[in-house]
Amino acid sequence: MTREGAITGLLALVVGVVAGLLVAPKPPTWLDPYLPVAVVAAVDAAVGGLRAALERVFSDRVFVVSFLSNVLLAAALVALGDALGVGGAMSTAVVVVLGIRIFTNASAVRRSLLKL
């Protein structure tokens, strides 16, 4: 990544955060059971992407597909749990599994950073 690309990405991140704080969007209530799980799935993909970048095997295609598939699969599992009448338990299971992946990737990131 070039220096200009990094600056552009950082600027886009700052603009997005500021816009989100100013607009303060309110999601529809029917999304309430899915948002926490979707956020955890997105964090899992982001930490996995950071790990891949530090290991110099990062691919933007793999990251985007991983990000979208994690979020959609997590939401589908919660929807399945709701349909079966065990929505809360299914949400908890998804968060636990993704949490384990997040901490596994975070420890690999920490090890990579300590080697530098």
PDB file of N, CA and C in Angstrom:
ATOM      1  N   MET A   1       0.848  -1.169   0.000  1.00  0.00           N
ATOM      2  CA  MET A   1       0.000   0.000   0.000  1.00  0.00           C
ATOM      3  C   MET A   1       0.894   1.232   0.000  1.00  0.00           C
ATOM      4  N   THR A   2       0.500   2.197  -0.799  1.00  0.00           N
ATOM      5  CA  THR A   2       1.279   3.425  -0.862  1.00  0.00           C
ATOM      6  C   THR A   2       0.906   4.341   0.290  1.00  0.00           C
ATOM      7  N   ARG A   3       1.740   5.317   0.501  1.00  0.00           N
ATOM      8  CA  ARG A   3       1.470   6.286   1.564  1.00  0.00           C
ATOM      9  C   ARG A   3       0.182   7.051   1.280  1.00  0.00           C
ATOM     10  N   GLU A   4      -0.027   7.416   0.002  1.00  0.00           N
ATOM     11  CA  GLU A   4      -1.240   8.146  -0.367  1.00  0.00           C
ATOM     12  C   GLU A   4      -2.486   7.289  -0.135  1.00  0.00           C
ATOM     13  N   GLY A   5      -2.378   5.994  -0.437  1.00  0.00           N
ATOM     14  CA  GLY A   5      -3.500   5.090  -0.216  1.00  0.00           C
ATOM     15  C   GLY A   5      -3.834   4.956   1.259  1.00  0.00           C
ATOM     16  N   ALA A   6      -2.802   4.895   2.094  1.00  0.00           N
ATOM     17  CA  ALA A   6      -3.024   4.797   3.536  1.00  0.00           C
ATOM     18  C   ALA A   6      -3.669   6.065   4.073  1.00  0.00           C
ATOM     19  N   ILE A   7      -3.210   7.219   3.590  1.00  0.00           N
ATOM     20  CA  ILE A   7      -3.783   8.492   4.041  1.00  0.00           C
ATOM     21  C   ILE A   7      -5.231   8.604   3.585  1.00  0.00           C
ATOM     22  N   THR A   8      -5.501   8.200   2.344  1.00  0.00           N
ATOM     23  CA  THR A   8      -6.872   8.238   1.832  1.00  0.00           C
ATOM     24  C   THR A   8      -7.775   7.319   2.646  1.00  0.00           C
ATOM     25  N   GLY A   9      -7.302   6.119   2.958  1.00  0.00           N
ATOM     26  CA  GLY A   9      -8.088   5.190   3.758  1.00  0.00           C
ATOM     27  C   GLY A   9      -8.363   5.717   5.149  1.00  0.00           C
ATOM     28  N   LEU A  10      -7.352   6.310   5.770  1.00  0.00           N
ATOM     29  CA  LEU A  10      -7.532   6.876   7.105  1.00  0.00           C
ATOM     30  C   LEU A  10      -8.507   8.045   7.076  1.00  0.00           C
ATOM     31  N   LEU A  11      -8.395   8.892   6.058  1.00  0.00           N
ATOM     32  CA  LEU A  11      -9.314  10.020   5.913  1.00  0.00           C
ATOM     33  C   LEU A  11     -10.746   9.526   5.708  1.00  0.00           C
ATOM     34  N   ALA A  12     -10.924   8.491   4.894  1.00  0.00           N
ATOM     35  CA  ALA A  12     -12.255   7.926   4.673  1.00  0.00           C
ATOM     36  C   ALA A  12     -12.829   7.359   5.968  1.00  0.00           C
ATOM     37  N   LEU A  13     -11.988   6.724   6.772  1.00  0.00           N
ATOM     38  CA  LEU A  13     -12.435   6.191   8.055  1.00  0.00           C
ATOM     39  C   LEU A  13     -12.899   7.307   8.977  1.00  0.00           C
ATOM     40  N   VAL A  14     -12.121   8.387   9.061  1.00  0.00           N
ATOM     41  CA  VAL A  14     -12.481   9.518   9.922  1.00  0.00           C
ATOM     42  C   VAL A  14     -13.785  10.152   9.449  1.00  0.00           C
ATOM     43  N   VAL A  15     -13.918  10.370   8.134  1.00  0.00           N
ATOM     44  CA  VAL A  15     -15.151  10.959   7.595  1.00  0.00           C
ATOM     45  C   VAL A  15     -16.346  10.057   7.895  1.00  0.00           C
ATOM     46  N   GLY A  16     -16.184   8.749   7.746  1.00  0.00           N
ATOM     47  CA  GLY A  16     -17.269   7.816   8.034  1.00  0.00           C
ATOM     48  C   GLY A  16     -17.681   7.822   9.494  1.00  0.00           C
ATOM     49  N   VAL A  17     -16.713   7.864  10.398  1.00  0.00           N
ATOM     50  CA  VAL A  17     -17.028   7.895  11.833  1.00  0.00           C
ATOM     51  C   VAL A  17     -17.741   9.195  12.193  1.00  0.00           C
ATOM     52  N   VAL A  18     -17.238  10.318  11.691  1.00  0.00           N
ATOM     53  CA  VAL A  18     -17.871  11.612  11.977  1.00  0.00           C
ATOM     54  C   VAL A  18     -19.287  11.643  11.412  1.00  0.00           C
ATOM     55  N   ALA A  19     -19.467  11.169  10.178  1.00  0.00           N
ATOM     56  CA  ALA A  19     -20.805  11.151   9.578  1.00  0.00           C
ATOM     57  C   ALA A  19     -21.747  10.267  10.387  1.00  0.00           C
ATOM     58  N   GLY A  20     -21.259   9.123  10.849  1.00  0.00           N
ATOM     59  CA  GLY A  20     -22.089   8.244  11.662  1.00  0.00           C
ATOM     60  C   GLY A  20     -22.483   8.872  12.981  1.00  0.00           C
ATOM     61  N   LEU A  21     -21.570   9.628  13.586  1.00  0.00           N
ATOM     62  CA  LEU A  21     -21.888  10.293  14.850  1.00  0.00           C
ATOM     63  C   LEU A  21     -22.873  11.435  14.649  1.00  0.00           C
ATOM     64  N   LEU A  22     -22.740  12.160  13.550  1.00  0.00           N
ATOM     65  CA  LEU A  22     -23.632  13.289  13.291  1.00  0.00           C
ATOM     66  C   LEU A  22     -25.025  12.835  12.873  1.00  0.00           C
ATOM     67  N   VAL A  23     -25.104  11.824  12.036  1.00  0.00           N
ATOM     68  CA  VAL A  23     -26.394  11.366  11.529  1.00  0.00           C
ATOM     69  C   VAL A  23     -27.103  10.492  12.560  1.00  0.00           C
ATOM     70  N   ALA A  24     -26.361   9.697  13.303  1.00  0.00           N
ATOM     71  CA  ALA A  24     -26.887   8.784  14.326  1.00  0.00           C
ATOM     72  C   ALA A  24     -28.067   7.979  13.793  1.00  0.00           C
ATOM     73  N   PRO A  25     -27.822   7.088  12.830  1.00  0.00           N
ATOM     74  CA  PRO A  25     -28.928   6.328  12.238  1.00  0.00           C
ATOM     75  C   PRO A  25     -29.562   5.377  13.250  1.00  0.00           C
ATOM     76  N   LYS A  26     -30.852   5.211  13.133  1.00  0.00           N
ATOM     77  CA  LYS A  26     -31.602   4.290  13.993  1.00  0.00           C
ATOM     78  C   LYS A  26     -32.041   3.096  13.149  1.00  0.00           C
ATOM     79  N   PRO A  27     -31.486   1.922  13.410  1.00  0.00           N
ATOM     80  CA  PRO A  27     -31.895   0.750  12.625  1.00  0.00           C
ATOM     81  C   PRO A  27     -33.320   0.332  12.983  1.00  0.00           C
ATOM     82  N   PRO A  28     -34.008  -0.332  12.069  1.00  0.00           N
ATOM     83  CA  PRO A  28     -35.361  -0.811  12.377  1.00  0.00           C
ATOM     84  C   PRO A  28     -35.328  -1.827  13.520  1.00  0.00           C
ATOM     85  N   THR A  29     -36.400  -1.879  14.272  1.00  0.00           N
ATOM     86  CA  THR A  29     -36.432  -2.756  15.448  1.00  0.00           C
ATOM     87  C   THR A  29     -36.346  -4.233  15.080  1.00  0.00           C
ATOM     88  N   TRP A  30     -36.784  -4.604  13.876  1.00  0.00           N
ATOM     89  CA  TRP A  30     -36.717  -6.018  13.503  1.00  0.00           C
ATOM     90  C   TRP A  30     -35.276  -6.493  13.331  1.00  0.00           C
ATOM     91  N   LEU A  31     -34.333  -5.552  13.225  1.00  0.00           N
ATOM     92  CA  LEU A  31     -32.920  -5.923  13.110  1.00  0.00           C
ATOM     93  C   LEU A  31     -32.247  -6.122  14.469  1.00  0.00           C
ATOM     94  N   ASP A  32     -32.931  -5.781  15.546  1.00  0.00           N
ATOM     95  CA  ASP A  32     -32.321  -5.834  16.881  1.00  0.00           C
ATOM     96  C   ASP A  32     -31.652  -7.166  17.228  1.00  0.00           C
ATOM     97  N   PRO A  33     -32.248  -8.316  16.944  1.00  0.00           N
ATOM     98  CA  PRO A  33     -31.561  -9.565  17.311  1.00  0.00           C
ATOM     99  C   PRO A  33     -30.324  -9.856  16.462  1.00  0.00           C
ATOM    100  N   TYR A  34     -30.246  -9.240  15.286  1.00  0.00           N
ATOM    101  CA  TYR A  34     -29.178  -9.567  14.344  1.00  0.00           C
ATOM    102  C   TYR A  34     -27.970  -8.643  14.449  1.00  0.00           C
ATOM    103  N   LEU A  35     -28.161  -7.416  14.878  1.00  0.00           N
ATOM    104  CA  LEU A  35     -27.067  -6.444  14.882  1.00  0.00           C
ATOM    105  C   LEU A  35     -25.891  -6.831  15.774  1.00  0.00           C
ATOM    106  N   PRO A  36     -26.110  -7.253  17.018  1.00  0.00           N
ATOM    107  CA  PRO A  36     -24.943  -7.624  17.840  1.00  0.00           C
ATOM    108  C   PRO A  36     -24.134  -8.770  17.232  1.00  0.00           C
ATOM    109  N   VAL A  37     -24.820  -9.753  16.690  1.00  0.00           N
ATOM    110  CA  VAL A  37     -24.131 -10.887  16.087  1.00  0.00           C
ATOM    111  C   VAL A  37     -23.405 -10.447  14.820  1.00  0.00           C
ATOM    112  N   ALA A  38     -24.024  -9.559  14.040  1.00  0.00           N
ATOM    113  CA  ALA A  38     -23.383  -9.056  12.822  1.00  0.00           C
ATOM    114  C   ALA A  38     -22.130  -8.255  13.159  1.00  0.00           C
ATOM    115  N   VAL A  39     -22.190  -7.473  14.227  1.00  0.00           N
ATOM    116  CA  VAL A  39     -21.018  -6.689  14.633  1.00  0.00           C
ATOM    117  C   VAL A  39     -19.882  -7.618  15.067  1.00  0.00           C
ATOM    118  N   VAL A  40     -20.195  -8.639  15.838  1.00  0.00           N
ATOM    119  CA  VAL A  40     -19.161  -9.586  16.270  1.00  0.00           C
ATOM    120  C   VAL A  40     -18.572 -10.316  15.056  1.00  0.00           C
ATOM    121  N   ALA A  41     -19.413 -10.678  14.093  1.00  0.00           N
ATOM    122  CA  ALA A  41     -18.918 -11.331  12.878  1.00  0.00           C
ATOM    123  C   ALA A  41     -18.017 -10.391  12.086  1.00  0.00           C
ATOM    124  N   ALA A  42     -18.379  -9.116  12.030  1.00  0.00           N
ATOM    125  CA  ALA A  42     -17.550  -8.134  11.320  1.00  0.00           C
ATOM    126  C   ALA A  42     -16.210  -7.940  12.027  1.00  0.00           C
ATOM    127  N   VAL A  43     -16.225  -7.898  13.350  1.00  0.00           N
ATOM    128  CA  VAL A  43     -14.972  -7.766  14.107  1.00  0.00           C
ATOM    129  C   VAL A  43     -14.089  -8.995  13.872  1.00  0.00           C
ATOM    130  N   ASP A  44     -14.703 -10.172  13.820  1.00  0.00           N
ATOM    131  CA  ASP A  44     -13.940 -11.390  13.532  1.00  0.00           C
ATOM    132  C   ASP A  44     -13.242 -11.283  12.181  1.00  0.00           C
ATOM    133  N   ALA A  45     -13.958 -10.820  11.173  1.00  0.00           N
ATOM    134  CA  ALA A  45     -13.355 -10.676   9.845  1.00  0.00           C
ATOM    135  C   ALA A  45     -12.244  -9.629   9.863  1.00  0.00           C
ATOM    136  N   ALA A  46     -12.456  -8.530  10.584  1.00  0.00           N
ATOM    137  CA  ALA A  46     -11.443  -7.472  10.634  1.00  0.00           C
ATOM    138  C   ALA A  46     -10.168  -7.946  11.329  1.00  0.00           C
ATOM    139  N   VAL A  47     -10.312  -8.646  12.439  1.00  0.00           N
ATOM    140  CA  VAL A  47      -9.132  -9.149  13.151  1.00  0.00           C
ATOM    141  C   VAL A  47      -8.435 -10.225  12.314  1.00  0.00           C
ATOM    142  N   GLY A  48      -9.213 -11.050  11.624  1.00  0.00           N
ATOM    143  CA  GLY A  48      -8.618 -12.029  10.719  1.00  0.00           C
ATOM    144  C   GLY A  48      -7.870 -11.363   9.576  1.00  0.00           C
ATOM    145  N   GLY A  49      -8.411 -10.261   9.071  1.00  0.00           N
ATOM    146  CA  GLY A  49      -7.722  -9.507   8.023  1.00  0.00           C
ATOM    147  C   GLY A  49      -6.431  -8.891   8.519  1.00  0.00           C
ATOM    148  N   LEU A  50      -6.450  -8.380   9.743  1.00  0.00           N
ATOM    149  CA  LEU A  50      -5.231  -7.820  10.331  1.00  0.00           C
ATOM    150  C   LEU A  50      -4.168  -8.904  10.496  1.00  0.00           C
ATOM    151  N   ARG A  51      -4.601 -10.069  10.947  1.00  0.00           N
ATOM    152  CA  ARG A  51      -3.657 -11.190  11.090  1.00  0.00           C
ATOM    153  C   ARG A  51      -3.055 -11.558   9.735  1.00  0.00           C
ATOM    154  N   ALA A  52      -3.901 -11.646   8.715  1.00  0.00           N
ATOM    155  CA  ALA A  52      -3.410 -11.989   7.375  1.00  0.00           C
ATOM    156  C   ALA A  52      -2.446 -10.929   6.857  1.00  0.00           C
ATOM    157  N   ALA A  53      -2.736  -9.661   7.140  1.00  0.00           N
ATOM    158  CA  ALA A  53      -1.846  -8.587   6.690  1.00  0.00           C
ATOM    159  C   ALA A  53      -0.485  -8.689   7.369  1.00  0.00           C
ATOM    160  N   LEU A  54      -0.481  -8.979   8.667  1.00  0.00           N
ATOM    161  CA  LEU A  54       0.788  -9.105   9.384  1.00  0.00           C
ATOM    162  C   LEU A  54       1.576 -10.331   8.927  1.00  0.00           C
ATOM    163  N   GLU A  55       0.864 -11.365   8.493  1.00  0.00           N
ATOM    164  CA  GLU A  55       1.532 -12.567   7.984  1.00  0.00           C
ATOM    165  C   GLU A  55       1.843 -12.448   6.493  1.00  0.00           C
ATOM    166  N   ARG A  56       1.531 -11.299   5.917  1.00  0.00           N
ATOM    167  CA  ARG A  56       1.784 -10.985   4.501  1.00  0.00           C
ATOM    168  C   ARG A  56       1.091 -11.948   3.543  1.00  0.00           C
ATOM    169  N   VAL A  57      -0.116 -12.380   3.907  1.00  0.00           N
ATOM    170  CA  VAL A  57      -0.923 -13.227   3.029  1.00  0.00           C
ATOM    171  C   VAL A  57      -2.298 -12.603   2.788  1.00  0.00           C
ATOM    172  N   PHE A  58      -2.419 -11.304   3.048  1.00  0.00           N
ATOM    173  CA  PHE A  58      -3.708 -10.625   2.926  1.00  0.00           C
ATOM    174  C   PHE A  58      -4.141 -10.539   1.470  1.00  0.00           C
ATOM    175  N   SER A  59      -5.408 -10.824   1.238  1.00  0.00           N
ATOM    176  CA  SER A  59      -6.017 -10.669  -0.083  1.00  0.00           C
ATOM    177  C   SER A  59      -7.307  -9.886   0.107  1.00  0.00           C
ATOM    178  N   ASP A  60      -7.469  -8.802  -0.645  1.00  0.00           N
ATOM    179  CA  ASP A  60      -8.673  -7.999  -0.474  1.00  0.00           C
ATOM    180  C   ASP A  60      -9.927  -8.781  -0.858  1.00  0.00           C
ATOM    181  N   ARG A  61      -9.835  -9.636  -1.853  1.00  0.00           N
ATOM    182  CA  ARG A  61     -10.994 -10.456  -2.230  1.00  0.00           C
ATOM    183  C   ARG A  61     -11.390 -11.401  -1.108  1.00  0.00           C
ATOM    184  N   VAL A  62     -10.408 -12.078  -0.557  1.00  0.00           N
ATOM    185  CA  VAL A  62     -10.687 -13.009   0.539  1.00  0.00           C
ATOM    186  C   VAL A  62     -11.276 -12.253   1.723  1.00  0.00           C
ATOM    187  N   PHE A  63     -10.751 -11.057   2.008  1.00  0.00           N
ATOM    188  CA  PHE A  63     -11.261 -10.277   3.128  1.00  0.00           C
ATOM    189  C   PHE A  63     -12.721  -9.893   2.914  1.00  0.00           C
ATOM    190  N   VAL A  64     -13.056  -9.380   1.740  1.00  0.00           N
ATOM    191  CA  VAL A  64     -14.436  -8.951   1.476  1.00  0.00           C
ATOM    192  C   VAL A  64     -15.387 -10.143   1.527  1.00  0.00           C
ATOM    193  N   VAL A  65     -14.994 -11.253   0.906  1.00  0.00           N
ATOM    194  CA  VAL A  65     -15.847 -12.444   0.928  1.00  0.00           C
ATOM    195  C   VAL A  65     -15.992 -12.964   2.355  1.00  0.00           C
ATOM    196  N   SER A  66     -14.907 -12.982   3.111  1.00  0.00           N
ATOM    197  CA  SER A  66     -14.956 -13.427   4.502  1.00  0.00           C
ATOM    198  C   SER A  66     -15.862 -12.523   5.333  1.00  0.00           C
ATOM    199  N   PHE A  67     -15.702 -11.219   5.156  1.00  0.00           N
ATOM    200  CA  PHE A  67     -16.503 -10.249   5.899  1.00  0.00           C
ATOM    201  C   PHE A  67     -17.989 -10.463   5.624  1.00  0.00           C
ATOM    202  N   LEU A  68     -18.359 -10.479   4.346  1.00  0.00           N
ATOM    203  CA  LEU A  68     -19.776 -10.616   3.988  1.00  0.00           C
ATOM    204  C   LEU A  68     -20.332 -11.980   4.380  1.00  0.00           C
ATOM    205  N   SER A  69     -19.567 -13.041   4.143  1.00  0.00           N
ATOM    206  CA  SER A  69     -20.078 -14.368   4.478  1.00  0.00           C
ATOM    207  C   SER A  69     -20.199 -14.560   5.988  1.00  0.00           C
ATOM    208  N   ASN A  70     -19.271 -14.014   6.770  1.00  0.00           N
ATOM    209  CA  ASN A  70     -19.383 -14.103   8.229  1.00  0.00           C
ATOM    210  C   ASN A  70     -20.662 -13.430   8.716  1.00  0.00           C
ATOM    211  N   VAL A  71     -20.909 -12.217   8.232  1.00  0.00           N
ATOM    212  CA  VAL A  71     -22.088 -11.469   8.680  1.00  0.00           C
ATOM    213  C   VAL A  71     -23.367 -12.181   8.243  1.00  0.00           C
ATOM    214  N   LEU A  72     -23.428 -12.603   6.983  1.00  0.00           N
ATOM    215  CA  LEU A  72     -24.644 -13.260   6.485  1.00  0.00           C
ATOM    216  C   LEU A  72     -24.879 -14.609   7.159  1.00  0.00           C
ATOM    217  N   LEU A  73     -23.821 -15.389   7.360  1.00  0.00           N
ATOM    218  CA  LEU A  73     -23.980 -16.686   8.011  1.00  0.00           C
ATOM    219  C   LEU A  73     -24.402 -16.522   9.472  1.00  0.00           C
ATOM    220  N   ALA A  74     -23.814 -15.566  10.160  1.00  0.00           N
ATOM    221  CA  ALA A  74     -24.203 -15.326  11.554  1.00  0.00           C
ATOM    222  C   ALA A  74     -25.669 -14.906  11.632  1.00  0.00           C
ATOM    223  N   ALA A  75     -26.092 -14.015  10.734  1.00  0.00           N
ATOM    224  CA  ALA A  75     -27.494 -13.585  10.725  1.00  0.00           C
ATOM    225  C   ALA A  75     -28.418 -14.752  10.381  1.00  0.00           C
ATOM    226  N   ALA A  76     -28.001 -15.599   9.449  1.00  0.00           N
ATOM    227  CA  ALA A  76     -28.820 -16.757   9.083  1.00  0.00           C
ATOM    228  C   ALA A  76     -28.957 -17.727  10.253  1.00  0.00           C
ATOM    229  N   LEU A  77     -27.887 -17.924  11.006  1.00  0.00           N
ATOM    230  CA  LEU A  77     -27.968 -18.813  12.172  1.00  0.00           C
ATOM    231  C   LEU A  77     -28.902 -18.254  13.235  1.00  0.00           C
ATOM    232  N   VAL A  78     -28.869 -16.940  13.437  1.00  0.00           N
ATOM    233  CA  VAL A  78     -29.782 -16.329  14.405  1.00  0.00           C
ATOM    234  C   VAL A  78     -31.219 -16.456  13.914  1.00  0.00           C
ATOM    235  N   ALA A  79     -31.448 -16.246  12.618  1.00  0.00           N
ATOM    236  CA  ALA A  79     -32.795 -16.394  12.058  1.00  0.00           C
ATOM    237  C   ALA A  79     -33.285 -17.833  12.212  1.00  0.00           C
ATOM    238  N   LEU A  80     -32.405 -18.796  11.977  1.00  0.00           N
ATOM    239  CA  LEU A  80     -32.765 -20.199  12.165  1.00  0.00           C
ATOM    240  C   LEU A  80     -33.114 -20.467  13.627  1.00  0.00           C
ATOM    241  N   GLY A  81     -32.317 -19.921  14.533  1.00  0.00           N
ATOM    242  CA  GLY A  81     -32.619 -20.070  15.955  1.00  0.00           C
ATOM    243  C   GLY A  81     -33.958 -19.463  16.325  1.00  0.00           C
ATOM    244  N   ASP A  82     -34.276 -18.305  15.748  1.00  0.00           N
ATOM    245  CA  ASP A  82     -35.584 -17.686  15.992  1.00  0.00           C
ATOM    246  C   ASP A  82     -36.709 -18.576  15.472  1.00  0.00           C
ATOM    247  N   ALA A  83     -36.517 -19.139  14.286  1.00  0.00           N
ATOM    248  CA  ALA A  83     -37.545 -20.001  13.700  1.00  0.00           C
ATOM    249  C   ALA A  83     -37.759 -21.265  14.527  1.00  0.00           C
ATOM    250  N   LEU A  84     -36.695 -21.750  15.150  1.00  0.00           N
ATOM    251  CA  LEU A  84     -36.799 -22.954  15.979  1.00  0.00           C
ATOM    252  C   LEU A  84     -37.214 -22.649  17.413  1.00  0.00           C
ATOM    253  N   GLY A  85     -37.294 -21.357  17.743  1.00  0.00           N
ATOM    254  CA  GLY A  85     -37.684 -20.968  19.094  1.00  0.00           C
ATOM    255  C   GLY A  85     -36.536 -20.932  20.080  1.00  0.00           C
ATOM    256  N   VAL A  86     -35.316 -20.957  19.590  1.00  0.00           N
ATOM    257  CA  VAL A  86     -34.140 -20.915  20.462  1.00  0.00           C
ATOM    258  C   VAL A  86     -33.217 -19.772  20.041  1.00  0.00           C
ATOM    259  N   GLY A  87     -33.798 -18.635  19.693  1.00  0.00           N
ATOM    260  CA  GLY A  87     -33.035 -17.504  19.167  1.00  0.00           C
ATOM    261  C   GLY A  87     -31.938 -17.030  20.096  1.00  0.00           C
ATOM    262  N   GLY A  88     -32.254 -16.887  21.386  1.00  0.00           N
ATOM    263  CA  GLY A  88     -31.258 -16.409  22.343  1.00  0.00           C
ATOM    264  C   GLY A  88     -30.090 -17.368  22.484  1.00  0.00           C
ATOM    265  N   ALA A  89     -30.393 -18.661  22.538  1.00  0.00           N
ATOM    266  CA  ALA A  89     -29.330 -19.664  22.667  1.00  0.00           C
ATOM    267  C   ALA A  89     -28.467 -19.709  21.414  1.00  0.00           C
ATOM    268  N   MET A  90     -29.101 -19.577  20.258  1.00  0.00           N
ATOM    269  CA  MET A  90     -28.337 -19.605  19.006  1.00  0.00           C
ATOM    270  C   MET A  90     -27.450 -18.372  18.901  1.00  0.00           C
ATOM    271  N   SER A  91     -27.972 -17.214  19.306  1.00  0.00           N
ATOM    272  CA  SER A  91     -27.163 -15.991  19.293  1.00  0.00           C
ATOM    273  C   SER A  91     -25.957 -16.147  20.203  1.00  0.00           C
ATOM    274  N   THR A  92     -26.176 -16.708  21.375  1.00  0.00           N
ATOM    275  CA  THR A  92     -25.079 -16.922  22.314  1.00  0.00           C
ATOM    276  C   THR A  92     -24.037 -17.867  21.728  1.00  0.00           C
ATOM    277  N   ALA A  93     -24.486 -18.934  21.095  1.00  0.00           N
ATOM    278  CA  ALA A  93     -23.551 -19.890  20.495  1.00  0.00           C
ATOM    279  C   ALA A  93     -22.719 -19.233  19.402  1.00  0.00           C
ATOM    280  N   VAL A  94     -23.361 -18.425  18.558  1.00  0.00           N
ATOM    281  CA  VAL A  94     -22.640 -17.748  17.476  1.00  0.00           C
ATOM    282  C   VAL A  94     -21.603 -16.789  18.055  1.00  0.00           C
ATOM    283  N   VAL A  95     -21.994 -16.023  19.073  1.00  0.00           N
ATOM    284  CA  VAL A  95     -21.070 -15.061  19.681  1.00  0.00           C
ATOM    285  C   VAL A  95     -19.900 -15.782  20.348  1.00  0.00           C
ATOM    286  N   VAL A  96     -20.157 -16.901  20.996  1.00  0.00           N
ATOM    287  CA  VAL A  96     -19.074 -17.655  21.645  1.00  0.00           C
ATOM    288  C   VAL A  96     -18.080 -18.175  20.605  1.00  0.00           C
ATOM    289  N   VAL A  97     -18.583 -18.769  19.533  1.00  0.00           N
ATOM    290  CA  VAL A  97     -17.692 -19.309  18.497  1.00  0.00           C
ATOM    291  C   VAL A  97     -16.887 -18.188  17.846  1.00  0.00           C
ATOM    292  N   LEU A  98     -17.556 -17.099  17.487  1.00  0.00           N
ATOM    293  CA  LEU A  98     -16.834 -15.986  16.868  1.00  0.00           C
ATOM    294  C   LEU A  98     -15.873 -15.338  17.864  1.00  0.00           C
ATOM    295  N   GLY A  99     -16.257 -15.287  19.129  1.00  0.00           N
ATOM    296  CA  GLY A  99     -15.365 -14.739  20.152  1.00  0.00           C
ATOM    297  C   GLY A  99     -14.092 -15.552  20.285  1.00  0.00           C
ATOM    298  N   ILE A 100     -14.216 -16.867  20.225  1.00  0.00           N
ATOM    299  CA  ILE A 100     -13.028 -17.724  20.274  1.00  0.00           C
ATOM    300  C   ILE A 100     -12.122 -17.428  19.087  1.00  0.00           C
ATOM    301  N   ARG A 101     -12.726 -17.276  17.900  1.00  0.00           N
ATOM    302  CA  ARG A 101     -11.927 -16.957  16.700  1.00  0.00           C
ATOM    303  C   ARG A 101     -11.255 -15.594  16.832  1.00  0.00           C
ATOM    304  N   ILE A 102     -11.979 -14.622  17.381  1.00  0.00           N
ATOM    305  CA  ILE A 102     -11.409 -13.279  17.549  1.00  0.00           C
ATOM    306  C   ILE A 102     -10.199 -13.341  18.469  1.00  0.00           C
ATOM    307  N   PHE A 103     -10.327 -14.006  19.604  1.00  0.00           N
ATOM    308  CA  PHE A 103      -9.213 -14.070  20.548  1.00  0.00           C
ATOM    309  C   PHE A 103      -8.053 -14.899  20.002  1.00  0.00           C
ATOM    310  N   THR A 104      -8.345 -15.936  19.225  1.00  0.00           N
ATOM    311  CA  THR A 104      -7.276 -16.712  18.589  1.00  0.00           C
ATOM    312  C   THR A 104      -6.503 -15.841  17.609  1.00  0.00           C
ATOM    313  N   ASN A 105      -7.235 -15.112  16.763  1.00  0.00           N
ATOM    314  CA  ASN A 105      -6.567 -14.220  15.811  1.00  0.00           C
ATOM    315  C   ASN A 105      -5.852 -13.077  16.520  1.00  0.00           C
ATOM    316  N   ALA A 106      -6.448 -12.560  17.593  1.00  0.00           N
ATOM    317  CA  ALA A 106      -5.809 -11.464  18.332  1.00  0.00           C
ATOM    318  C   ALA A 106      -4.496 -11.924  18.956  1.00  0.00           C
ATOM    319  N   SER A 107      -4.461 -13.151  19.449  1.00  0.00           N
ATOM    320  CA  SER A 107      -3.198 -13.639  20.021  1.00  0.00           C
ATOM    321  C   SER A 107      -2.150 -13.823  18.928  1.00  0.00           C
ATOM    322  N   ALA A 108      -2.569 -14.244  17.734  1.00  0.00           N
ATOM    323  CA  ALA A 108      -1.620 -14.357  16.620  1.00  0.00           C
ATOM    324  C   ALA A 108      -1.119 -12.978  16.200  1.00  0.00           C
ATOM    325  N   VAL A 109      -2.005 -11.979  16.215  1.00  0.00           N
ATOM    326  CA  VAL A 109      -1.600 -10.602  15.897  1.00  0.00           C
ATOM    327  C   VAL A 109      -0.587 -10.118  16.923  1.00  0.00           C
ATOM    328  N   ARG A 110      -0.861 -10.381  18.183  1.00  0.00           N
ATOM    329  CA  ARG A 110       0.054  -9.962  19.249  1.00  0.00           C
ATOM    330  C   ARG A 110       1.424 -10.615  19.080  1.00  0.00           C
ATOM    331  N   ARG A 111       1.434 -11.909  18.771  1.00  0.00           N
ATOM    332  CA  ARG A 111       2.714 -12.601  18.546  1.00  0.00           C
ATOM    333  C   ARG A 111       3.455 -12.008  17.354  1.00  0.00           C
ATOM    334  N   SER A 112       2.723 -11.694  16.290  1.00  0.00           N
ATOM    335  CA  SER A 112       3.360 -11.097  15.106  1.00  0.00           C
ATOM    336  C   SER A 112       3.947  -9.735  15.429  1.00  0.00           C
ATOM    337  N   LEU A 113       3.221  -8.944  16.210  1.00  0.00           N
ATOM    338  CA  LEU A 113       3.715  -7.612  16.561  1.00  0.00           C
ATOM    339  C   LEU A 113       4.917  -7.686  17.493  1.00  0.00           C
ATOM    340  N   LEU A 114       4.950  -8.680  18.366  1.00  0.00           N
ATOM    341  CA  LEU A 114       6.081  -8.814  19.280  1.00  0.00           C
ATOM    342  C   LEU A 114       7.337  -9.290  18.563  1.00  0.00           C
ATOM    343  N   LYS A 115       7.182  -9.944  17.415  1.00  0.00           N
ATOM    344  CA  LYS A 115       8.335 -10.377  16.627  1.00  0.00           C
ATOM    345  C   LYS A 115       8.979  -9.217  15.892  1.00  0.00           C
ATOM    346  N   LEU A 116       8.206  -8.146  15.635  1.00  0.00           N
ATOM    347  CA  LEU A 116       8.733  -7.008  14.862  1.00  0.00           C
ATOM    348  C   LEU A 116       9.771  -6.237  15.613  1.00  0.00           C
TER     349      LEU A 116
END
